[in-house]
C-alpha atoms as a PDB file:
ATOM      1  CA  MET A   1      19.596  13.466 -10.682  1.00  0.00           C
ATOM      2  CA  SER A   2      18.139  14.233  -7.256  1.00  0.00           C
ATOM      3  CA  LYS A   3      16.366  11.524  -5.298  1.00  0.00           C
ATOM      4  CA  PRO A   4      12.603  11.275  -5.699  1.00  0.00           C
ATOM      5  CA  VAL A   5      10.260  11.889  -2.805  1.00  0.00           C
ATOM      6  CA  ILE A   6       8.997   8.589  -1.361  1.00  0.00           C
ATOM      7  CA  VAL A   7       5.205   8.859  -1.393  1.00  0.00           C
ATOM      8  CA  ILE A   8       3.734   6.190   0.880  1.00  0.00           C
ATOM      9  CA  VAL A   9       0.315   4.894  -0.164  1.00  0.00           C
ATOM     10  CA  PRO A  10      -0.912   2.834   2.804  1.00  0.00           C
ATOM     11  CA  GLY A  11      -3.013  -0.276   2.922  1.00  0.00           C
ATOM     12  CA  ALA A  12      -6.400  -0.713   4.556  1.00  0.00           C
ATOM     13  CA  TRP A  13      -7.341  -0.407   8.241  1.00  0.00           C
ATOM     14  CA  GLN A  14      -4.219   1.177   9.677  1.00  0.00           C
ATOM     15  CA  LYS A  15      -4.146   4.695  11.060  1.00  0.00           C
ATOM     16  CA  PRO A  16      -1.425   7.141   9.925  1.00  0.00           C
ATOM     17  CA  VAL A  17       0.617   6.740  13.126  1.00  0.00           C
ATOM     18  CA  VAL A  18       1.913   3.347  11.950  1.00  0.00           C
ATOM     19  CA  TRP A  19       3.997   5.127   9.280  1.00  0.00           C
ATOM     20  CA  ASN A  20       5.613   7.804  11.442  1.00  0.00           C
ATOM     21  CA  ASP A  21       8.732   5.800  12.288  1.00  0.00           C
ATOM     22  CA  LEU A  22       9.407   4.767   8.685  1.00  0.00           C
ATOM     23  CA  VAL A  23       9.007   8.341   7.458  1.00  0.00           C
ATOM     24  CA  GLN A  24      11.538   9.514  10.045  1.00  0.00           C
ATOM     25  CA  ARG A  25      13.988   6.748   9.160  1.00  0.00           C
ATOM     26  CA  LEU A  26      13.723   7.605   5.473  1.00  0.00           C
ATOM     27  CA  HIS A  27      14.479  11.223   6.325  1.00  0.00           C
ATOM     28  CA  THR A  28      17.545  10.053   8.242  1.00  0.00           C
ATOM     29  CA  ALA A  29      18.553   8.067   5.138  1.00  0.00           C
ATOM     30  CA  ASP A  30      18.423  11.307   3.126  1.00  0.00           C
ATOM     31  CA  PHE A  31      15.044  10.711   1.489  1.00  0.00           C
ATOM     32  CA  GLU A  32      12.147  13.084   1.622  1.00  0.00           C
ATOM     33  CA  ALA A  33       9.071  10.997   2.459  1.00  0.00           C
ATOM     34  CA  ILE A  34       5.350  11.708   2.692  1.00  0.00           C
ATOM     35  CA  HIS A  35       2.548   9.495   3.972  1.00  0.00           C
ATOM     36  CA  VAL A  36      -0.786  10.032   2.206  1.00  0.00           C
ATOM     37  CA  GLU A  37      -3.880   9.883   4.422  1.00  0.00           C
ATOM     38  CA  LEU A  38      -6.397   7.899   2.414  1.00  0.00           C
ATOM     39  CA  ARG A  39     -10.074   8.754   2.652  1.00  0.00           C
ATOM     40  CA  THR A  40     -11.430   5.206   2.737  1.00  0.00           C
ATOM     41  CA  ILE A  41      -9.634   4.493   6.033  1.00  0.00           C
ATOM     42  CA  GLY A  42     -11.704   5.418   9.090  1.00  0.00           C
ATOM     43  CA  SER A  43     -14.077   7.492   6.972  1.00  0.00           C
ATOM     44  CA  THR A  44     -17.212   8.834   8.677  1.00  0.00           C
ATOM     45  CA  VAL A  45     -18.736  10.738   5.766  1.00  0.00           C
ATOM     46  CA  THR A  46     -22.022   9.782   4.101  1.00  0.00           C
ATOM     47  CA  PRO A  47     -21.687   7.976   1.776  1.00  0.00           C
ATOM     48  CA  LEU A  48     -18.346   6.409   2.611  1.00  0.00           C
ATOM     49  CA  HIS A  49     -15.416   7.262   0.350  1.00  0.00           C
ATOM     50  CA  GLY A  50     -14.215   4.899  -2.380  1.00  0.00           C
ATOM     51  CA  LEU A  51     -11.233   4.207  -4.628  1.00  0.00           C
ATOM     52  CA  ALA A  52     -11.675   7.430  -6.617  1.00  0.00           C
ATOM     53  CA  ASP A  53     -11.383   9.476  -3.421  1.00  0.00           C
ATOM     54  CA  ASP A  54      -8.169   7.720  -2.397  1.00  0.00           C
ATOM     55  CA  VAL A  55      -6.768   8.242  -5.887  1.00  0.00           C
ATOM     56  CA  ALA A  56      -7.604  11.935  -5.634  1.00  0.00           C
ATOM     57  CA  ALA A  57      -5.772  12.180  -2.301  1.00  0.00           C
ATOM     58  CA  VAL A  58      -2.601  10.713  -3.805  1.00  0.00           C
ATOM     59  CA  ARG A  59      -2.848  12.861  -6.911  1.00  0.00           C
ATOM     60  CA  SER A  60      -3.162  15.953  -4.733  1.00  0.00           C
ATOM     61  CA  VAL A  61       0.192  15.117  -3.141  1.00  0.00           C
ATOM     62  CA  LEU A  62       1.758  14.345  -6.528  1.00  0.00           C
ATOM     63  CA  GLY A  63       0.456  17.623  -7.912  1.00  0.00           C
ATOM     64  CA  GLU A  64       1.951  19.578  -5.047  1.00  0.00           C
ATOM     65  CA  LEU A  65       5.318  17.889  -5.609  1.00  0.00           C
ATOM     66  CA  ALA A  66       5.116  18.646  -9.343  1.00  0.00           C
ATOM     67  CA  SER A  67       4.526  22.311  -8.530  1.00  0.00           C
ATOM     68  CA  GLN A  68       7.849  22.200  -6.661  1.00  0.00           C
ATOM     69  CA  SER A  69       9.562  20.419  -9.595  1.00  0.00           C
ATOM     70  CA  LYS A  70       9.984  17.277  -7.480  1.00  0.00           C
ATOM     71  CA  THR A  71       9.658  13.705  -8.679  1.00  0.00           C
ATOM     72  CA  ALA A  72       7.929  10.936  -6.743  1.00  0.00           C
ATOM     73  CA  LEU A  73       8.520   7.228  -6.168  1.00  0.00           C
ATOM     74  CA  LEU A  74       5.365   5.577  -4.877  1.00  0.00           C
ATOM     75  CA  LEU A  75       5.534   2.929  -2.155  1.00  0.00           C
ATOM     76  CA  GLY A  76       2.218   1.085  -2.077  1.00  0.00           C
ATOM     77  CA  HIS A  77       1.493  -1.258   0.817  1.00  0.00           C
ATOM     78  CA  SER A  78      -1.138  -3.990   0.512  1.00  0.00           C
ATOM     79  CA  SER A  79      -4.315  -2.392  -0.941  1.00  0.00           C
ATOM     80  CA  GLY A  80      -2.224   0.737  -1.444  1.00  0.00           C
ATOM     81  CA  GLY A  81      -0.868  -1.043  -4.505  1.00  0.00           C
ATOM     82  CA  LEU A  82      -4.278  -0.637  -6.121  1.00  0.00           C
ATOM     83  CA  VAL A  83      -4.583   3.004  -5.104  1.00  0.00           C
ATOM     84  CA  GLY A  84      -1.055   3.934  -6.139  1.00  0.00           C
ATOM     85  CA  SER A  85      -1.357   2.184  -9.494  1.00  0.00           C
ATOM     86  CA  ASN A  86      -4.440   4.178 -10.405  1.00  0.00           C
ATOM     87  CA  ALA A  87      -3.181   7.458  -8.961  1.00  0.00           C
ATOM     88  CA  MET A  88      -0.089   7.640 -11.169  1.00  0.00           C
ATOM     89  CA  LYS A  89      -2.004   7.636 -14.446  1.00  0.00           C
ATOM     90  CA  GLY A  90      -1.135  10.842 -16.286  1.00  0.00           C
ATOM     91  CA  GLN A  91       1.245  12.040 -13.544  1.00  0.00           C
ATOM     92  CA  ASP A  92       4.466  12.950 -15.329  1.00  0.00           C
ATOM     93  CA  ASN A  93       6.542  13.392 -12.176  1.00  0.00           C
ATOM     94  CA  VAL A  94       6.137   9.755 -11.014  1.00  0.00           C
ATOM     95  CA  VAL A  95       9.353   7.834 -11.654  1.00  0.00           C
ATOM     96  CA  GLY A  96       8.160   4.442 -10.455  1.00  0.00           C
ATOM     97  CA  MET A  97       6.181   2.281  -8.057  1.00  0.00           C
ATOM     98  CA  ILE A  98       7.311  -0.160  -5.379  1.00  0.00           C
ATOM     99  CA  TYR A  99       4.760  -2.782  -4.347  1.00  0.00           C
ATOM    100  CA  LEU A 100       5.318  -3.628  -0.666  1.00  0.00           C
ATOM    101  CA  ALA A 101       3.444  -6.892  -0.012  1.00  0.00           C
ATOM    102  CA  ALA A 102       0.907  -5.178  -2.242  1.00  0.00           C
ATOM    103  CA  PHE A 103      -1.810  -5.810  -4.776  1.00  0.00           C
ATOM    104  CA  ALA A 104      -0.816  -5.398  -8.416  1.00  0.00           C
ATOM    105  CA  ILE A 105      -4.255  -5.705  -9.965  1.00  0.00           C
ATOM    106  CA  PRO A 106      -5.063  -6.159 -13.668  1.00  0.00           C
ATOM    107  CA  HIS A 107      -7.269  -3.639 -15.428  1.00  0.00           C
ATOM    108  CA  GLY A 108     -10.937  -4.402 -14.816  1.00  0.00           C
ATOM    109  CA  LYS A 109     -10.358  -6.517 -11.701  1.00  0.00           C
ATOM    110  CA  ALA A 110     -11.185  -5.460  -8.146  1.00  0.00           C
ATOM    111  CA  LEU A 111      -9.503  -6.283  -4.848  1.00  0.00           C
ATOM    112  CA  LEU A 112     -12.362  -8.613  -4.019  1.00  0.00           C
ATOM    113  CA  ASP A 113     -11.765 -10.490  -7.279  1.00  0.00           C
ATOM    114  CA  MET A 114      -8.172 -11.097  -6.203  1.00  0.00           C
ATOM    115  CA  LEU A 115      -9.467 -12.554  -2.915  1.00  0.00           C
ATOM    116  CA  GLY A 116     -11.539 -15.140  -4.728  1.00  0.00           C
ATOM    117  CA  GLY A 117     -14.703 -13.043  -4.882  1.00  0.00           C
ATOM    118  CA  LYS A 118     -15.428 -12.989  -1.163  1.00  0.00           C
ATOM    119  CA  PRO A 119     -13.887 -11.555   2.030  1.00  0.00           C
ATOM    120  CA  LEU A 120     -11.179 -13.555   3.751  1.00  0.00           C
ATOM    121  CA  PRO A 121     -12.053 -15.242   7.081  1.00  0.00           C
ATOM    122  CA  TRP A 122     -10.320 -12.539   9.115  1.00  0.00           C
ATOM    123  CA  MET A 123     -12.298  -9.732   7.447  1.00  0.00           C
ATOM    124  CA  GLU A 124     -15.588  -8.632   8.976  1.00  0.00           C
ATOM    125  CA  TYR A 125     -18.163  -6.692   6.931  1.00  0.00           C
ATOM    126  CA  LYS A 126     -20.524  -4.462   8.900  1.00  0.00           C
ATOM    127  CA  VAL A 127     -23.526  -3.601   6.771  1.00  0.00           C
ATOM    128  CA  ARG A 128     -25.062  -0.155   6.967  1.00  0.00           C
ATOM    129  CA  ARG A 129     -27.763   1.529   4.955  1.00  0.00           C
ATOM    130  CA  ALA A 130     -27.129   1.384   1.206  1.00  0.00           C
ATOM    131  CA  ALA A 131     -26.824   5.162   1.000  1.00  0.00           C
ATOM    132  CA  ILE A 132     -23.937   5.070   3.460  1.00  0.00           C
ATOM    133  CA  GLY A 133     -22.059   1.947   2.424  1.00  0.00           C
ATOM    134  CA  ASP A 134     -20.529  -1.039   4.181  1.00  0.00           C
ATOM    135  CA  ARG A 135     -17.443  -0.968   6.361  1.00  0.00           C
ATOM    136  CA  VAL A 136     -14.807  -3.686   6.613  1.00  0.00           C
ATOM    137  CA  PHE A 137     -12.903  -4.438   9.812  1.00  0.00           C
ATOM    138  CA  GLY A 138     -10.201  -6.909  10.718  1.00  0.00           C
ATOM    139  CA  ARG A 139     -11.399  -9.437  13.286  1.00  0.00           C
ATOM    140  CA  GLN A 140      -9.618  -8.541  16.522  1.00  0.00           C
ATOM    141  CA  GLU A 141      -9.147 -12.161  17.601  1.00  0.00           C
ATOM    142  CA  MET A 142      -7.225 -12.909  14.378  1.00  0.00           C
ATOM    143  CA  LEU A 143      -5.236  -9.724  13.742  1.00  0.00           C
ATOM    144  CA  ALA A 144      -2.209 -10.593  15.858  1.00  0.00           C
ATOM    145  CA  ASP A 145      -1.438 -13.629  13.710  1.00  0.00           C
ATOM    146  CA  VAL A 146      -2.547 -12.136  10.397  1.00  0.00           C
ATOM    147  CA  MET A 147      -1.028  -8.656  10.520  1.00  0.00           C
ATOM    148  CA  PHE A 148       1.535  -8.665  13.313  1.00  0.00           C
ATOM    149  CA  ASN A 149       2.890 -12.224  13.540  1.00  0.00           C
ATOM    150  CA  ASP A 150       6.523 -11.044  13.645  1.00  0.00           C
ATOM    151  CA  LEU A 151       5.983  -8.673  16.575  1.00  0.00           C
ATOM    152  CA  ASN A 152       6.033  -9.511  20.277  1.00  0.00           C
ATOM    153  CA  ALA A 153       2.783  -9.631  22.266  1.00  0.00           C
ATOM    154  CA  GLU A 154       3.170  -6.107  23.649  1.00  0.00           C
ATOM    155  CA  GLU A 155       3.731  -4.606  20.214  1.00  0.00           C
ATOM    156  CA  GLN A 156       0.871  -6.631  18.746  1.00  0.00           C
ATOM    157  CA  LYS A 157      -1.484  -5.211  21.346  1.00  0.00           C
ATOM    158  CA  ARG A 158      -0.211  -1.689  20.717  1.00  0.00           C
ATOM    159  CA  TRP A 159      -0.709  -1.729  16.964  1.00  0.00           C
ATOM    160  CA  MET A 160      -4.067  -3.478  17.088  1.00  0.00           C
ATOM    161  CA  THR A 161      -5.373  -0.378  18.860  1.00  0.00           C
ATOM    162  CA  GLU A 162      -4.352   1.653  15.791  1.00  0.00           C
ATOM    163  CA  MET A 163      -6.674  -0.274  13.474  1.00  0.00           C
ATOM    164  CA  THR A 164      -9.947   1.100  12.135  1.00  0.00           C
ATOM    165  CA  HIS A 165     -12.449   0.310   9.388  1.00  0.00           C
ATOM    166  CA  THR A 166     -12.072   0.684   5.641  1.00  0.00           C
ATOM    167  CA  SER A 167     -14.857   1.456   3.204  1.00  0.00           C
ATOM    168  CA  ALA A 168     -16.057  -1.706   1.463  1.00  0.00           C
ATOM    169  CA  ALA A 169     -16.259   0.299  -1.757  1.00  0.00           C
ATOM    170  CA  LEU A 170     -12.467   0.135  -2.011  1.00  0.00           C
ATOM    171  CA  PHE A 171     -12.612  -3.653  -2.302  1.00  0.00           C
ATOM    172  CA  ALA A 172     -15.375  -3.706  -4.908  1.00  0.00           C
ATOM    173  CA  THR A 173     -14.149  -1.085  -7.398  1.00  0.00           C
ATOM    174  CA  PRO A 174     -12.205  -2.351 -10.439  1.00  0.00           C
ATOM    175  CA  SER A 175      -8.742  -1.047 -11.205  1.00  0.00           C
ATOM    176  CA  GLY A 176      -8.450   1.203 -14.225  1.00  0.00           C
ATOM    177  CA  TYR A 177      -4.707   1.338 -14.808  1.00  0.00           C
ATOM    178  CA  GLU A 178      -1.694  -0.963 -15.084  1.00  0.00           C
ATOM    179  CA  PRO A 179       1.478   1.138 -14.754  1.00  0.00           C
ATOM    180  CA  TRP A 180       3.707  -1.802 -15.694  1.00  0.00           C
ATOM    181  CA  LYS A 181       2.072  -1.855 -19.131  1.00  0.00           C
ATOM    182  CA  ASN A 182       2.567   1.873 -19.627  1.00  0.00           C
ATOM    183  CA  GLY A 183       6.311   2.302 -19.357  1.00  0.00           C
ATOM    184  CA  ILE A 184       6.452   3.047 -15.634  1.00  0.00           C
ATOM    185  CA  PRO A 185       9.190   1.166 -13.761  1.00  0.00           C
ATOM    186  CA  CYS A 186       7.753  -1.115 -11.088  1.00  0.00           C
ATOM    187  CA  ALA A 187       9.454  -3.166  -8.373  1.00  0.00           C
ATOM    188  CA  SER A 188       8.477  -5.374  -5.452  1.00  0.00           C
ATOM    189  CA  ILE A 189       9.360  -5.869  -1.811  1.00  0.00           C
ATOM    190  CA  PHE A 190       8.245  -9.378  -0.854  1.00  0.00           C
ATOM    191  CA  CYS A 191       7.463 -10.358   2.737  1.00  0.00           C
ATOM    192  CA  THR A 192       7.929 -14.100   3.121  1.00  0.00           C
ATOM    193  CA  GLU A 193       6.202 -14.518   6.519  1.00  0.00           C
ATOM    194  CA  ASP A 194       3.126 -12.525   5.530  1.00  0.00           C
ATOM    195  CA  ASN A 195      -0.132 -14.098   6.748  1.00  0.00           C
ATOM    196  CA  ALA A 196      -2.354 -11.362   5.283  1.00  0.00           C
ATOM    197  CA  LEU A 197      -1.103 -11.517   1.699  1.00  0.00           C
ATOM    198  CA  PRO A 198       0.888 -14.755   1.385  1.00  0.00           C
ATOM    199  CA  PHE A 199       4.302 -14.735  -0.259  1.00  0.00           C
ATOM    200  CA  VAL A 200       3.180 -16.955  -3.127  1.00  0.00           C
ATOM    201  CA  VAL A 201       0.324 -14.581  -3.942  1.00  0.00           C
ATOM    202  CA  GLN A 202       2.693 -11.617  -3.848  1.00  0.00           C
ATOM    203  CA  GLN A 203       4.930 -13.410  -6.339  1.00  0.00           C
ATOM    204  CA  GLU A 204       2.040 -14.319  -8.636  1.00  0.00           C
ATOM    205  CA  MET A 205       0.897 -10.704  -8.872  1.00  0.00           C
ATOM    206  CA  ALA A 206       4.456  -9.405  -9.250  1.00  0.00           C
ATOM    207  CA  ALA A 207       4.921 -11.663 -12.273  1.00  0.00           C
ATOM    208  CA  GLN A 208       2.789  -9.164 -14.186  1.00  0.00           C
ATOM    209  CA  LEU A 209       5.514  -6.541 -13.754  1.00  0.00           C
ATOM    210  CA  GLY A 210       7.746  -8.324 -16.245  1.00  0.00           C
ATOM    211  CA  PRO A 211      10.994 -10.337 -16.081  1.00  0.00           C
ATOM    212  CA  GLU A 212      13.162  -7.240 -15.698  1.00  0.00           C
ATOM    213  CA  ALA A 213      11.296  -5.905 -12.635  1.00  0.00           C
ATOM    214  CA  LYS A 214      13.514  -5.492  -9.581  1.00  0.00           C
ATOM    215  CA  ALA A 215      12.672  -7.124  -6.242  1.00  0.00           C
ATOM    216  CA  VAL A 216      13.939  -7.423  -2.680  1.00  0.00           C
ATOM    217  CA  THR A 217      12.779 -10.180  -0.344  1.00  0.00           C
ATOM    218  CA  LEU A 218      12.416  -9.645   3.412  1.00  0.00           C
ATOM    219  CA  LYS A 219      11.786 -12.362   5.994  1.00  0.00           C
ATOM    220  CA  THR A 220       9.011 -10.409   7.685  1.00  0.00           C
ATOM    221  CA  GLY A 221       5.284 -10.348   8.219  1.00  0.00           C
ATOM    222  CA  HIS A 222       2.827  -8.003   6.538  1.00  0.00           C
ATOM    223  CA  CYS A 223       4.036  -4.819   8.237  1.00  0.00           C
ATOM    224  CA  PRO A 224       7.845  -4.579   8.099  1.00  0.00           C
ATOM    225  CA  PHE A 225       7.578  -0.829   8.709  1.00  0.00           C
ATOM    226  CA  LEU A 226       6.662  -1.823  12.277  1.00  0.00           C
ATOM    227  CA  SER A 227       8.723  -4.982  12.796  1.00  0.00           C
ATOM    228  CA  PHE A 228      11.926  -4.408  10.778  1.00  0.00           C
ATOM    229  CA  PRO A 229      11.962  -0.764   9.638  1.00  0.00           C
ATOM    230  CA  ASP A 230      15.714  -0.594   9.053  1.00  0.00           C
ATOM    231  CA  GLN A 231      15.576  -3.586   6.706  1.00  0.00           C
ATOM    232  CA  LEU A 232      12.691  -1.943   4.885  1.00  0.00           C
ATOM    233  CA  VAL A 233      14.596   1.329   4.489  1.00  0.00           C
ATOM    234  CA  ASP A 234      17.551  -0.601   3.066  1.00  0.00           C
ATOM    235  CA  ALA A 235      15.227  -2.362   0.605  1.00  0.00           C
ATOM    236  CA  ILE A 236      13.744   0.950  -0.532  1.00  0.00           C
ATOM    237  CA  LYS A 237      17.223   2.445  -0.951  1.00  0.00           C
ATOM    238  CA  THR A 238      18.354  -0.552  -2.992  1.00  0.00           C
ATOM    239  CA  LEU A 239      15.353  -0.521  -5.312  1.00  0.00           C
ATOM    240  CA  GLU A 240      15.408   3.249  -5.773  1.00  0.00           C
ATOM    241  CA  ALA A 241      19.050   3.105  -6.823  1.00  0.00           C
ATOM    242  CA  GLN A 242      18.436   0.177  -9.190  1.00  0.00           C
ATOM    243  CA  MET A 243      15.384   1.793 -10.751  1.00  0.00           C
ATOM    244  CA  ARG A 244      17.216   5.086 -11.192  1.00  0.00           C
ATOM    245  CA  ALA A 245      20.109   3.299 -12.901  1.00  0.00           C
ATOM    246  CA  THR A 246      17.936   1.651 -15.544  1.00  0.00           C
END
């Protein structure tokens, strides 16, 4: 069986450029890889996009791959776990989902519910007119420690410039699908030094995937695709092979 295409479903706030290096390294490792540009990130439309729009963006990519008779393995990072989970519903060419320091959210629960019902201290809501919608930013003075704590100061500064807002609607919309309860293989890549989504929280959510779910643990912060991309590629290769073998 040929390898699936790695479809990267990104988390909030980060611009597409943060994924370029990982995509190239996956290509070098003999994987086709695609990064999906989500509509809630940096959106300027009125009203701002929401979860359904991000889901549609992923499904568009999956549909194009299906038209080429290609299968897909989703890699969801952070809030991309929510988007990827919902996007794979009814998509027959999806062979599995890897949650990379990501939210595995029960049906009927929203991202905000998983955060205790309110934004975390490093999140800043900027309220606009109701017809437009609120935007959420990461507080600049806290991002280095929260998102990039395993990078040096120069790299922290570089990647903080590639941050933007995310539509608040993404955080408030309940999930409508649990792939792990519908026969879709799911796995996890844990990041033990993660200050955005702590390791223990990652483990708690991953427990929903079942006792047979595969996992790889990395000693990295929230964005290993920036800090330790080779380790991340190895983790993806390992999980893809294990999931294909089951």
